Amino acid sequence: MTVEIARDALDLRLLGEWQRAFPLVSRPFAVIGDALGCTEAKVLQRLMRLSAAGAVSRVGAALRPNTAGASTLAAIAAPEQHIDAVAELVGAEPGV
């Protein structure tokens, strides 16, 4: 469901500038915040608001087929308080 919300210049830049150049680093939202002149927390808050309104369906990198050797998309649902531990476990796997 899409809810109409007022979007300002920051929202429009988040929606427009980062669709094809999502930073593949450990803290991509900090990189985006630096480029937009705001904090990582502000970027995350805005993306959550845009997502709740239906303006964003997902956030993450999308690779062209065979760019990374094999095309695989995986998702994990984990409680927020365990995100760091889950990320560490997944990151320790060979090939990830």
C-alpha atoms as a PDB file:
ATOM      1  CA  MET A   1       0.000   0.000   0.000  1.00  0.00           C
ATOM      2  CA  THR A   2       1.339   3.412  -0.929  1.00  0.00           C
ATOM      3  CA  VAL A   3       0.645   6.345   1.359  1.00  0.00           C
ATOM      4  CA  GLU A   4       1.142   9.829  -0.030  1.00  0.00           C
ATOM      5  CA  ILE A   5       3.798  11.689   1.971  1.00  0.00           C
ATOM      6  CA  ALA A   6       5.518  15.001   1.406  1.00  0.00           C
ATOM      7  CA  ARG A   7       8.990  14.464  -0.047  1.00  0.00           C
ATOM      8  CA  ASP A   8      11.748  17.005   0.272  1.00  0.00           C
ATOM      9  CA  ALA A   9      15.046  17.379  -1.597  1.00  0.00           C
ATOM     10  CA  LEU A  10      16.791  14.806   0.626  1.00  0.00           C
ATOM     11  CA  ASP A  11      14.085  12.210  -0.038  1.00  0.00           C
ATOM     12  CA  LEU A  12      14.302  12.838  -3.774  1.00  0.00           C
ATOM     13  CA  ARG A  13      18.087  12.490  -3.749  1.00  0.00           C
ATOM     14  CA  LEU A  14      17.839   9.232  -1.781  1.00  0.00           C
ATOM     15  CA  LEU A  15      15.298   7.891  -4.253  1.00  0.00           C
ATOM     16  CA  GLY A  16      17.148   9.072  -7.345  1.00  0.00           C
ATOM     17  CA  GLU A  17      20.892   9.139  -6.842  1.00  0.00           C
ATOM     18  CA  TRP A  18      21.468   5.814  -5.109  1.00  0.00           C
ATOM     19  CA  GLN A  19      19.500   3.384  -7.245  1.00  0.00           C
ATOM     20  CA  ARG A  20      22.486   2.507  -9.414  1.00  0.00           C
ATOM     21  CA  ALA A  21      25.458   3.462  -7.255  1.00  0.00           C
ATOM     22  CA  PHE A  22      24.720   1.793  -3.921  1.00  0.00           C
ATOM     23  CA  PRO A  23      28.008   1.655  -1.955  1.00  0.00           C
ATOM     24  CA  LEU A  24      29.248  -1.896  -1.413  1.00  0.00           C
ATOM     25  CA  VAL A  25      30.963  -1.213   1.905  1.00  0.00           C
ATOM     26  CA  SER A  26      30.370  -2.245   5.508  1.00  0.00           C
ATOM     27  CA  ARG A  27      28.424   0.959   6.286  1.00  0.00           C
ATOM     28  CA  PRO A  28      26.781   2.068   3.028  1.00  0.00           C
ATOM     29  CA  PHE A  29      24.311   4.404   4.718  1.00  0.00           C
ATOM     30  CA  ALA A  30      27.176   6.341   6.314  1.00  0.00           C
ATOM     31  CA  VAL A  31      28.729   6.782   2.850  1.00  0.00           C
ATOM     32  CA  ILE A  32      25.388   7.950   1.466  1.00  0.00           C
ATOM     33  CA  GLY A  33      24.931  10.318   4.412  1.00  0.00           C
ATOM     34  CA  ASP A  34      28.380  11.828   3.872  1.00  0.00           C
ATOM     35  CA  ALA A  35      27.584  12.413   0.198  1.00  0.00           C
ATOM     36  CA  LEU A  36      24.225  13.992   1.039  1.00  0.00           C
ATOM     37  CA  GLY A  37      25.525  16.097   3.925  1.00  0.00           C
ATOM     38  CA  CYS A  38      23.643  14.283   6.666  1.00  0.00           C
ATOM     39  CA  THR A  39      24.161  11.478   9.147  1.00  0.00           C
ATOM     40  CA  GLU A  40      23.883   7.746   8.671  1.00  0.00           C
ATOM     41  CA  ALA A  41      21.000   7.795  11.175  1.00  0.00           C
ATOM     42  CA  LYS A  42      19.160  10.418   9.111  1.00  0.00           C
ATOM     43  CA  VAL A  43      19.540   8.321   5.940  1.00  0.00           C
ATOM     44  CA  LEU A  44      18.179   5.241   7.718  1.00  0.00           C
ATOM     45  CA  GLN A  45      15.300   7.216   9.254  1.00  0.00           C
ATOM     46  CA  ARG A  46      14.339   8.641   5.867  1.00  0.00           C
ATOM     47  CA  LEU A  47      14.525   5.258   4.143  1.00  0.00           C
ATOM     48  CA  MET A  48      12.352   3.675   6.842  1.00  0.00           C
ATOM     49  CA  ARG A  49       9.785   6.469   6.427  1.00  0.00           C
ATOM     50  CA  LEU A  50       9.822   6.100   2.636  1.00  0.00           C
ATOM     51  CA  SER A  51       9.518   2.332   2.980  1.00  0.00           C
ATOM     52  CA  ALA A  52       6.578   2.611   5.385  1.00  0.00           C
ATOM     53  CA  ALA A  53       4.860   4.893   2.867  1.00  0.00           C
ATOM     54  CA  GLY A  54       5.434   2.383   0.058  1.00  0.00           C
ATOM     55  CA  ALA A  55       7.857   4.610  -1.869  1.00  0.00           C
ATOM     56  CA  VAL A  56      10.709   2.093  -1.363  1.00  0.00           C
ATOM     57  CA  SER A  57      10.250  -1.656  -1.670  1.00  0.00           C
ATOM     58  CA  ARG A  58      13.802  -2.773  -0.877  1.00  0.00           C
ATOM     59  CA  VAL A  59      17.249  -1.359  -0.220  1.00  0.00           C
ATOM     60  CA  GLY A  60      20.383  -3.180  -1.285  1.00  0.00           C
ATOM     61  CA  ALA A  61      22.706  -3.961  -4.098  1.00  0.00           C
ATOM     62  CA  ALA A  62      21.555  -5.698  -7.259  1.00  0.00           C
ATOM     63  CA  LEU A  63      24.267  -7.330  -9.340  1.00  0.00           C
ATOM     64  CA  ARG A  64      24.090  -8.091 -13.030  1.00  0.00           C
ATOM     65  CA  PRO A  65      23.980 -11.839 -13.709  1.00  0.00           C
ATOM     66  CA  ASN A  66      27.416 -13.484 -13.593  1.00  0.00           C
ATOM     67  CA  THR A  67      29.100 -10.339 -12.231  1.00  0.00           C
ATOM     68  CA  ALA A  68      29.964 -12.145  -9.023  1.00  0.00           C
ATOM     69  CA  GLY A  69      30.496 -15.535 -10.631  1.00  0.00           C
ATOM     70  CA  ALA A  70      27.026 -16.789  -9.792  1.00  0.00           C
ATOM     71  CA  SER A  71      23.775 -14.954  -9.402  1.00  0.00           C
ATOM     72  CA  THR A  72      22.504 -15.402  -5.885  1.00  0.00           C
ATOM     73  CA  LEU A  73      20.211 -13.276  -3.793  1.00  0.00           C
ATOM     74  CA  ALA A  74      19.766 -14.244  -0.186  1.00  0.00           C
ATOM     75  CA  ALA A  75      17.872 -12.622   2.651  1.00  0.00           C
ATOM     76  CA  ILE A  76      17.801 -13.324   6.354  1.00  0.00           C
ATOM     77  CA  ALA A  77      15.266 -12.111   8.860  1.00  0.00           C
ATOM     78  CA  ALA A  78      16.825 -11.579  12.266  1.00  0.00           C
ATOM     79  CA  PRO A  79      15.811  -9.625  15.349  1.00  0.00           C
ATOM     80  CA  GLU A  80      17.428  -6.196  15.344  1.00  0.00           C
ATOM     81  CA  GLN A  81      19.364  -6.913  18.538  1.00  0.00           C
ATOM     82  CA  HIS A  82      21.057  -9.889  16.804  1.00  0.00           C
ATOM     83  CA  ILE A  83      21.905  -8.267  13.450  1.00  0.00           C
ATOM     84  CA  ASP A  84      25.622  -7.865  14.207  1.00  0.00           C
ATOM     85  CA  ALA A  85      25.993 -11.474  15.378  1.00  0.00           C
ATOM     86  CA  VAL A  86      24.102 -12.813  12.355  1.00  0.00           C
ATOM     87  CA  ALA A  87      26.157 -10.654   9.985  1.00  0.00           C
ATOM     88  CA  GLU A  88      29.358 -11.965  11.559  1.00  0.00           C
ATOM     89  CA  LEU A  89      28.237 -15.585  11.136  1.00  0.00           C
ATOM     90  CA  VAL A  90      27.175 -15.099   7.530  1.00  0.00           C
ATOM     91  CA  GLY A  91      30.289 -13.104   6.681  1.00  0.00           C
ATOM     92  CA  ALA A  92      32.499 -15.888   8.030  1.00  0.00           C
ATOM     93  CA  GLU A  93      31.132 -18.345   5.456  1.00  0.00           C
ATOM     94  CA  PRO A  94      33.412 -19.054   2.479  1.00  0.00           C
ATOM     95  CA  GLY A  95      32.140 -17.427  -0.683  1.00  0.00           C
ATOM     96  CA  VAL A  96      30.146 -14.728   1.078  1.00  0.00           C
END
